[in-house]
Amino acid sequence: MSSVDSPSPAGLAPSARPPALRGLLDAVPIMLGFVPFALVLGAQAAQKGMSVVEVPLMTGLNFGAAPSLRRSRSGPLRRIFC
């Protein structure tokens, strides 16, 4: 029996799992790498007195603004690096 045909620990063959579950299980190794950074961010936010709402808002706005800087042809990054 090959490893492709063997059932997974959950009892379902990998191809029989719902796509959302397959995606979640495939992302687990990457998500484990987020844990140390999340702990550091949480500790720093607590030390600075930030609320539970402020931290995700700050993170989301920070990551949301980055693509707009890169796509701009005359944006600040293009002025700096070109």
PDB file of N, CA and C in Angstrom:
ATOM      1  N   MET A   1       0.839  -1.156   0.000  1.00  0.00           N
ATOM      2  CA  MET A   1       0.000   0.000   0.000  1.00  0.00           C
ATOM      3  C   MET A   1       0.895   1.235   0.000  1.00  0.00           C
ATOM      4  N   SER A   2       0.714   2.128  -0.926  1.00  0.00           N
ATOM      5  CA  SER A   2       1.544   3.326  -1.016  1.00  0.00           C
ATOM      6  C   SER A   2       1.052   4.366  -0.017  1.00  0.00           C
ATOM      7  N   SER A   3       1.876   5.390   0.176  1.00  0.00           N
ATOM      8  CA  SER A   3       1.504   6.435   1.127  1.00  0.00           C
ATOM      9  C   SER A   3       0.315   7.247   0.620  1.00  0.00           C
ATOM     10  N   VAL A   4       0.083   7.264  -0.680  1.00  0.00           N
ATOM     11  CA  VAL A   4      -1.052   7.992  -1.237  1.00  0.00           C
ATOM     12  C   VAL A   4      -2.353   7.297  -0.882  1.00  0.00           C
ATOM     13  N   ASP A   5      -2.349   5.961  -0.868  1.00  0.00           N
ATOM     14  CA  ASP A   5      -3.563   5.200  -0.600  1.00  0.00           C
ATOM     15  C   ASP A   5      -3.837   5.014   0.892  1.00  0.00           C
ATOM     16  N   SER A   6      -2.866   5.271   1.737  1.00  0.00           N
ATOM     17  CA  SER A   6      -3.076   5.018   3.156  1.00  0.00           C
ATOM     18  C   SER A   6      -3.955   6.113   3.757  1.00  0.00           C
ATOM     19  N   PRO A   7      -4.827   5.736   4.670  1.00  0.00           N
ATOM     20  CA  PRO A   7      -5.689   6.742   5.282  1.00  0.00           C
ATOM     21  C   PRO A   7      -4.893   7.643   6.214  1.00  0.00           C
ATOM     22  N   SER A   8      -5.366   8.855   6.358  1.00  0.00           N
ATOM     23  CA  SER A   8      -4.708   9.818   7.233  1.00  0.00           C
ATOM     24  C   SER A   8      -5.093   9.534   8.673  1.00  0.00           C
ATOM     25  N   PRO A   9      -4.434  10.174   9.631  1.00  0.00           N
ATOM     26  CA  PRO A   9      -4.784   9.956  11.028  1.00  0.00           C
ATOM     27  C   PRO A   9      -6.236  10.315  11.335  1.00  0.00           C
ATOM     28  N   ALA A  10      -6.817  11.245  10.577  1.00  0.00           N
ATOM     29  CA  ALA A  10      -8.206  11.629  10.812  1.00  0.00           C
ATOM     30  C   ALA A  10      -9.171  10.588  10.261  1.00  0.00           C
ATOM     31  N   GLY A  11      -8.673   9.590   9.526  1.00  0.00           N
ATOM     32  CA  GLY A  11      -9.522   8.547   8.993  1.00  0.00           C
ATOM     33  C   GLY A  11      -9.953   8.769   7.563  1.00  0.00           C
ATOM     34  N   LEU A  12      -9.683   9.928   7.018  1.00  0.00           N
ATOM     35  CA  LEU A  12     -10.052  10.220   5.630  1.00  0.00           C
ATOM     36  C   LEU A  12      -8.799  10.302   4.776  1.00  0.00           C
ATOM     37  N   ALA A  13      -8.909   9.817   3.566  1.00  0.00           N
ATOM     38  CA  ALA A  13      -7.803  10.004   2.632  1.00  0.00           C
ATOM     39  C   ALA A  13      -7.691  11.495   2.348  1.00  0.00           C
ATOM     40  N   PRO A  14      -6.464  12.007   2.121  1.00  0.00           N
ATOM     41  CA  PRO A  14      -6.301  13.448   1.904  1.00  0.00           C
ATOM     42  C   PRO A  14      -7.196  14.004   0.800  1.00  0.00           C
ATOM     43  N   SER A  15      -7.447  13.236  -0.247  1.00  0.00           N
ATOM     44  CA  SER A  15      -8.278  13.756  -1.329  1.00  0.00           C
ATOM     45  C   SER A  15      -9.757  13.765  -0.965  1.00  0.00           C
ATOM     46  N   ALA A  16     -10.156  13.038   0.093  1.00  0.00           N
ATOM     47  CA  ALA A  16     -11.558  12.993   0.490  1.00  0.00           C
ATOM     48  C   ALA A  16     -11.916  14.089   1.482  1.00  0.00           C
ATOM     49  N   ARG A  17     -10.945  14.807   1.987  1.00  0.00           N
ATOM     50  CA  ARG A  17     -11.212  15.885   2.928  1.00  0.00           C
ATOM     51  C   ARG A  17     -11.803  17.088   2.193  1.00  0.00           C
ATOM     52  N   PRO A  18     -12.610  17.869   2.889  1.00  0.00           N
ATOM     53  CA  PRO A  18     -13.098  19.111   2.273  1.00  0.00           C
ATOM     54  C   PRO A  18     -11.927  20.049   1.981  1.00  0.00           C
ATOM     55  N   PRO A  19     -12.019  20.843   0.928  1.00  0.00           N
ATOM     56  CA  PRO A  19     -10.899  21.720   0.571  1.00  0.00           C
ATOM     57  C   PRO A  19     -10.497  22.683   1.689  1.00  0.00           C
ATOM     58  N   ALA A  20     -11.458  23.189   2.444  1.00  0.00           N
ATOM     59  CA  ALA A  20     -11.114  24.119   3.523  1.00  0.00           C
ATOM     60  C   ALA A  20     -10.274  23.420   4.593  1.00  0.00           C
ATOM     61  N   LEU A  21     -10.605  22.184   4.918  1.00  0.00           N
ATOM     62  CA  LEU A  21      -9.832  21.432   5.904  1.00  0.00           C
ATOM     63  C   LEU A  21      -8.438  21.117   5.376  1.00  0.00           C
ATOM     64  N   ARG A  22      -8.344  20.758   4.101  1.00  0.00           N
ATOM     65  CA  ARG A  22      -7.015  20.501   3.515  1.00  0.00           C
ATOM     66  C   ARG A  22      -6.157  21.752   3.570  1.00  0.00           C
ATOM     67  N   GLY A  23      -6.757  22.893   3.237  1.00  0.00           N
ATOM     68  CA  GLY A  23      -6.003  24.149   3.290  1.00  0.00           C
ATOM     69  C   GLY A  23      -5.555  24.493   4.691  1.00  0.00           C
ATOM     70  N   LEU A  24      -6.445  24.282   5.664  1.00  0.00           N
ATOM     71  CA  LEU A  24      -6.098  24.561   7.048  1.00  0.00           C
ATOM     72  C   LEU A  24      -4.955  23.666   7.518  1.00  0.00           C
ATOM     73  N   LEU A  25      -5.031  22.380   7.195  1.00  0.00           N
ATOM     74  CA  LEU A  25      -3.965  21.456   7.604  1.00  0.00           C
ATOM     75  C   LEU A  25      -2.651  21.752   6.888  1.00  0.00           C
ATOM     76  N   ASP A  26      -2.716  22.193   5.643  1.00  0.00           N
ATOM     77  CA  ASP A  26      -1.494  22.550   4.925  1.00  0.00           C
ATOM     78  C   ASP A  26      -0.844  23.813   5.499  1.00  0.00           C
ATOM     79  N   ALA A  27      -1.648  24.693   6.097  1.00  0.00           N
ATOM     80  CA  ALA A  27      -1.129  25.958   6.612  1.00  0.00           C
ATOM     81  C   ALA A  27      -0.596  25.858   8.035  1.00  0.00           C
ATOM     82  N   VAL A  28      -0.829  24.748   8.722  1.00  0.00           N
ATOM     83  CA  VAL A  28      -0.412  24.611  10.121  1.00  0.00           C
ATOM     84  C   VAL A  28       1.091  24.852  10.315  1.00  0.00           C
ATOM     85  N   PRO A  29       1.980  24.301   9.494  1.00  0.00           N
ATOM     86  CA  PRO A  29       3.409  24.568   9.733  1.00  0.00           C
ATOM     87  C   PRO A  29       3.771  26.049   9.631  1.00  0.00           C
ATOM     88  N   ILE A  30       3.143  26.765   8.737  1.00  0.00           N
ATOM     89  CA  ILE A  30       3.434  28.195   8.607  1.00  0.00           C
ATOM     90  C   ILE A  30       2.852  28.954   9.785  1.00  0.00           C
ATOM     91  N   MET A  31       1.643  28.561  10.190  1.00  0.00           N
ATOM     92  CA  MET A  31       1.009  29.245  11.322  1.00  0.00           C
ATOM     93  C   MET A  31       1.804  29.055  12.605  1.00  0.00           C
ATOM     94  N   LEU A  32       2.480  27.925  12.765  1.00  0.00           N
ATOM     95  CA  LEU A  32       3.311  27.715  13.954  1.00  0.00           C
ATOM     96  C   LEU A  32       4.455  28.721  14.016  1.00  0.00           C
ATOM     97  N   GLY A  33       4.912  29.165  12.855  1.00  0.00           N
ATOM     98  CA  GLY A  33       5.963  30.177  12.822  1.00  0.00           C
ATOM     99  C   GLY A  33       5.488  31.551  13.251  1.00  0.00           C
ATOM    100  N   PHE A  34       4.171  31.786  13.221  1.00  0.00           N
ATOM    101  CA  PHE A  34       3.621  33.076  13.646  1.00  0.00           C
ATOM    102  C   PHE A  34       3.600  33.218  15.165  1.00  0.00           C
ATOM    103  N   VAL A  35       3.595  32.111  15.871  1.00  0.00           N
ATOM    104  CA  VAL A  35       3.411  32.137  17.323  1.00  0.00           C
ATOM    105  C   VAL A  35       4.469  32.988  18.031  1.00  0.00           C
ATOM    106  N   PRO A  36       5.763  32.829  17.770  1.00  0.00           N
ATOM    107  CA  PRO A  36       6.736  33.667  18.486  1.00  0.00           C
ATOM    108  C   PRO A  36       6.546  35.156  18.210  1.00  0.00           C
ATOM    109  N   PHE A  37       6.230  35.503  16.972  1.00  0.00           N
ATOM    110  CA  PHE A  37       6.028  36.916  16.638  1.00  0.00           C
ATOM    111  C   PHE A  37       4.767  37.455  17.303  1.00  0.00           C
ATOM    112  N   ALA A  38       3.726  36.643  17.368  1.00  0.00           N
ATOM    113  CA  ALA A  38       2.488  37.064  18.025  1.00  0.00           C
ATOM    114  C   ALA A  38       2.716  37.286  19.519  1.00  0.00           C
ATOM    115  N   LEU A  39       3.506  36.426  20.133  1.00  0.00           N
ATOM    116  CA  LEU A  39       3.803  36.591  21.555  1.00  0.00           C
ATOM    117  C   LEU A  39       4.588  37.874  21.815  1.00  0.00           C
ATOM    118  N   VAL A  40       5.549  38.166  20.959  1.00  0.00           N
ATOM    119  CA  VAL A  40       6.336  39.387  21.119  1.00  0.00           C
ATOM    120  C   VAL A  40       5.457  40.610  20.900  1.00  0.00           C
ATOM    121  N   LEU A  41       4.626  40.578  19.853  1.00  0.00           N
ATOM    122  CA  LEU A  41       3.732  41.708  19.591  1.00  0.00           C
ATOM    123  C   LEU A  41       2.764  41.907  20.747  1.00  0.00           C
ATOM    124  N   GLY A  42       2.202  40.820  21.262  1.00  0.00           N
ATOM    125  CA  GLY A  42       1.283  40.926  22.389  1.00  0.00           C
ATOM    126  C   GLY A  42       1.957  41.473  23.630  1.00  0.00           C
ATOM    127  N   ALA A  43       3.169  41.038  23.906  1.00  0.00           N
ATOM    128  CA  ALA A  43       3.891  41.525  25.081  1.00  0.00           C
ATOM    129  C   ALA A  43       4.210  43.012  24.946  1.00  0.00           C
ATOM    130  N   GLN A  44       4.640  43.422  23.770  1.00  0.00           N
ATOM    131  CA  GLN A  44       4.931  44.832  23.548  1.00  0.00           C
ATOM    132  C   GLN A  44       3.678  45.696  23.638  1.00  0.00           C
ATOM    133  N   ALA A  45       2.573  45.198  23.069  1.00  0.00           N
ATOM    134  CA  ALA A  45       1.311  45.945  23.117  1.00  0.00           C
ATOM    135  C   ALA A  45       0.822  46.075  24.550  1.00  0.00           C
ATOM    136  N   ALA A  46       0.945  45.020  25.336  1.00  0.00           N
ATOM    137  CA  ALA A  46       0.522  45.080  26.731  1.00  0.00           C
ATOM    138  C   ALA A  46       1.390  46.045  27.524  1.00  0.00           C
ATOM    139  N   GLN A  47       2.685  46.050  27.221  1.00  0.00           N
ATOM    140  CA  GLN A  47       3.603  46.949  27.917  1.00  0.00           C
ATOM    141  C   GLN A  47       3.286  48.409  27.597  1.00  0.00           C
ATOM    142  N   LYS A  48       2.847  48.679  26.385  1.00  0.00           N
ATOM    143  CA  LYS A  48       2.520  50.048  25.971  1.00  0.00           C
ATOM    144  C   LYS A  48       1.095  50.445  26.338  1.00  0.00           C
ATOM    145  N   GLY A  49       0.312  49.492  26.866  1.00  0.00           N
ATOM    146  CA  GLY A  49      -1.040  49.807  27.296  1.00  0.00           C
ATOM    147  C   GLY A  49      -2.071  49.829  26.175  1.00  0.00           C
ATOM    148  N   MET A  50      -1.805  49.133  25.077  1.00  0.00           N
ATOM    149  CA  MET A  50      -2.744  49.115  23.959  1.00  0.00           C
ATOM    150  C   MET A  50      -3.894  48.162  24.274  1.00  0.00           C
ATOM    151  N   SER A  51      -5.072  48.479  23.735  1.00  0.00           N
ATOM    152  CA  SER A  51      -6.242  47.645  23.977  1.00  0.00           C
ATOM    153  C   SER A  51      -6.268  46.470  22.999  1.00  0.00           C
ATOM    154  N   VAL A  52      -7.206  45.548  23.243  1.00  0.00           N
ATOM    155  CA  VAL A  52      -7.351  44.362  22.394  1.00  0.00           C
ATOM    156  C   VAL A  52      -7.813  44.760  20.991  1.00  0.00           C
ATOM    157  N   VAL A  53      -8.501  45.882  20.856  1.00  0.00           N
ATOM    158  CA  VAL A  53      -8.978  46.346  19.550  1.00  0.00           C
ATOM    159  C   VAL A  53      -7.862  47.056  18.788  1.00  0.00           C
ATOM    160  N   GLU A  54      -7.020  47.782  19.483  1.00  0.00           N
ATOM    161  CA  GLU A  54      -5.987  48.578  18.831  1.00  0.00           C
ATOM    162  C   GLU A  54      -4.922  47.733  18.134  1.00  0.00           C
ATOM    163  N   VAL A  55      -4.551  46.612  18.710  1.00  0.00           N
ATOM    164  CA  VAL A  55      -3.466  45.796  18.147  1.00  0.00           C
ATOM    165  C   VAL A  55      -3.837  45.222  16.775  1.00  0.00           C
ATOM    166  N   PRO A  56      -4.985  44.527  16.612  1.00  0.00           N
ATOM    167  CA  PRO A  56      -5.318  44.029  15.269  1.00  0.00           C
ATOM    168  C   PRO A  56      -5.573  45.154  14.275  1.00  0.00           C
ATOM    169  N   LEU A  57      -6.137  46.268  14.754  1.00  0.00           N
ATOM    170  CA  LEU A  57      -6.377  47.400  13.867  1.00  0.00           C
ATOM    171  C   LEU A  57      -5.058  47.966  13.353  1.00  0.00           C
ATOM    172  N   MET A  58      -4.096  48.122  14.251  1.00  0.00           N
ATOM    173  CA  MET A  58      -2.786  48.630  13.845  1.00  0.00           C
ATOM    174  C   MET A  58      -2.101  47.668  12.867  1.00  0.00           C
ATOM    175  N   THR A  59      -2.153  46.382  13.164  1.00  0.00           N
ATOM    176  CA  THR A  59      -1.530  45.391  12.297  1.00  0.00           C
ATOM    177  C   THR A  59      -2.204  45.351  10.931  1.00  0.00           C
ATOM    178  N   GLY A  60      -3.523  45.342  10.918  1.00  0.00           N
ATOM    179  CA  GLY A  60      -4.255  45.303   9.651  1.00  0.00           C
ATOM    180  C   GLY A  60      -4.019  46.531   8.801  1.00  0.00           C
ATOM    181  N   LEU A  61      -3.999  47.700   9.419  1.00  0.00           N
ATOM    182  CA  LEU A  61      -3.742  48.926   8.655  1.00  0.00           C
ATOM    183  C   LEU A  61      -2.309  48.950   8.124  1.00  0.00           C
ATOM    184  N   ASN A  62      -1.389  48.440   8.907  1.00  0.00           N
ATOM    185  CA  ASN A  62       0.004  48.396   8.481  1.00  0.00           C
ATOM    186  C   ASN A  62       0.175  47.495   7.260  1.00  0.00           C
ATOM    187  N   PHE A  63      -0.388  46.292   7.306  1.00  0.00           N
ATOM    188  CA  PHE A  63      -0.281  45.372   6.176  1.00  0.00           C
ATOM    189  C   PHE A  63      -1.150  45.816   5.013  1.00  0.00           C
ATOM    190  N   GLY A  64      -2.250  46.504   5.288  1.00  0.00           N
ATOM    191  CA  GLY A  64      -3.120  46.988   4.217  1.00  0.00           C
ATOM    192  C   GLY A  64      -2.509  48.136   3.441  1.00  0.00           C
ATOM    193  N   ALA A  65      -1.656  48.914   4.067  1.00  0.00           N
ATOM    194  CA  ALA A  65      -1.048  50.061   3.395  1.00  0.00           C
ATOM    195  C   ALA A  65       0.147  49.658   2.539  1.00  0.00           C
ATOM    196  N   ALA A  66       0.793  48.576   2.863  1.00  0.00           N
ATOM    197  CA  ALA A  66       2.005  48.182   2.140  1.00  0.00           C
ATOM    198  C   ALA A  66       1.766  47.938   0.654  1.00  0.00           C
ATOM    199  N   PRO A  67       0.715  47.227   0.243  1.00  0.00           N
ATOM    200  CA  PRO A  67       0.515  47.026  -1.198  1.00  0.00           C
ATOM    201  C   PRO A  67       0.267  48.310  -1.966  1.00  0.00           C
ATOM    202  N   SER A  68      -0.378  49.285  -1.331  1.00  0.00           N
ATOM    203  CA  SER A  68      -0.630  50.533  -2.045  1.00  0.00           C
ATOM    204  C   SER A  68       0.665  51.297  -2.280  1.00  0.00           C
ATOM    205  N   LEU A  69       1.616  51.158  -1.394  1.00  0.00           N
ATOM    206  CA  LEU A  69       2.908  51.818  -1.607  1.00  0.00           C
ATOM    207  C   LEU A  69       3.679  51.166  -2.750  1.00  0.00           C
ATOM    208  N   ARG A  70       3.580  49.868  -2.853  1.00  0.00           N
ATOM    209  CA  ARG A  70       4.321  49.166  -3.893  1.00  0.00           C
ATOM    210  C   ARG A  70       3.723  49.391  -5.267  1.00  0.00           C
ATOM    211  N   ARG A  71       2.412  49.474  -5.388  1.00  0.00           N
ATOM    212  CA  ARG A  71       1.769  49.598  -6.686  1.00  0.00           C
ATOM    213  C   ARG A  71       1.871  50.992  -7.261  1.00  0.00           C
ATOM    214  N   SER A  72       2.099  51.969  -6.443  1.00  0.00           N
ATOM    215  CA  SER A  72       2.138  53.345  -6.918  1.00  0.00           C
ATOM    216  C   SER A  72       3.378  53.571  -7.768  1.00  0.00           C
ATOM    217  N   ARG A  73       3.186  54.108  -8.957  1.00  0.00           N
ATOM    218  CA  ARG A  73       4.331  54.367  -9.841  1.00  0.00           C
ATOM    219  C   ARG A  73       5.142  55.576  -9.387  1.00  0.00           C
ATOM    220  N   SER A  74       4.508  56.511  -8.712  1.00  0.00           N
ATOM    221  CA  SER A  74       5.240  57.688  -8.240  1.00  0.00           C
ATOM    222  C   SER A  74       5.219  57.767  -6.720  1.00  0.00           C
ATOM    223  N   GLY A  75       5.004  56.636  -6.073  1.00  0.00           N
ATOM    224  CA  GLY A  75       4.900  56.594  -4.613  1.00  0.00           C
ATOM    225  C   GLY A  75       6.230  56.821  -3.940  1.00  0.00           C
ATOM    226  N   PRO A  76       6.199  56.872  -2.631  1.00  0.00           N
ATOM    227  CA  PRO A  76       7.419  57.180  -1.861  1.00  0.00           C
ATOM    228  C   PRO A  76       8.519  56.143  -2.033  1.00  0.00           C
ATOM    229  N   LEU A  77       8.173  54.865  -2.185  1.00  0.00           N
ATOM    230  CA  LEU A  77       9.227  53.860  -2.359  1.00  0.00           C
ATOM    231  C   LEU A  77       9.922  54.011  -3.700  1.00  0.00           C
ATOM    232  N   ARG A  78       9.168  54.365  -4.730  1.00  0.00           N
ATOM    233  CA  ARG A  78       9.784  54.550  -6.043  1.00  0.00           C
ATOM    234  C   ARG A  78      10.720  55.755  -6.016  1.00  0.00           C
ATOM    235  N   ARG A  79      10.340  56.801  -5.300  1.00  0.00           N
ATOM    236  CA  ARG A  79      11.209  57.979  -5.202  1.00  0.00           C
ATOM    237  C   ARG A  79      12.491  57.654  -4.451  1.00  0.00           C
ATOM    238  N   ILE A  80      12.403  56.769  -3.481  1.00  0.00           N
ATOM    239  CA  ILE A  80      13.584  56.435  -2.684  1.00  0.00           C
ATOM    240  C   ILE A  80      14.520  55.493  -3.441  1.00  0.00           C
ATOM    241  N   PHE A  81      13.967  54.436  -4.067  1.00  0.00           N
ATOM    242  CA  PHE A  81      14.799  53.382  -4.637  1.00  0.00           C
ATOM    243  C   PHE A  81      15.103  53.544  -6.113  1.00  0.00           C
ATOM    244  N   CYS A  82      14.452  54.450  -6.813  1.00  0.00           N
ATOM    245  CA  CYS A  82      14.687  54.560  -8.258  1.00  0.00           C
ATOM    246  C   CYS A  82      15.398  55.826  -8.629  1.00  0.00           C
TER     247      CYS A  82
END
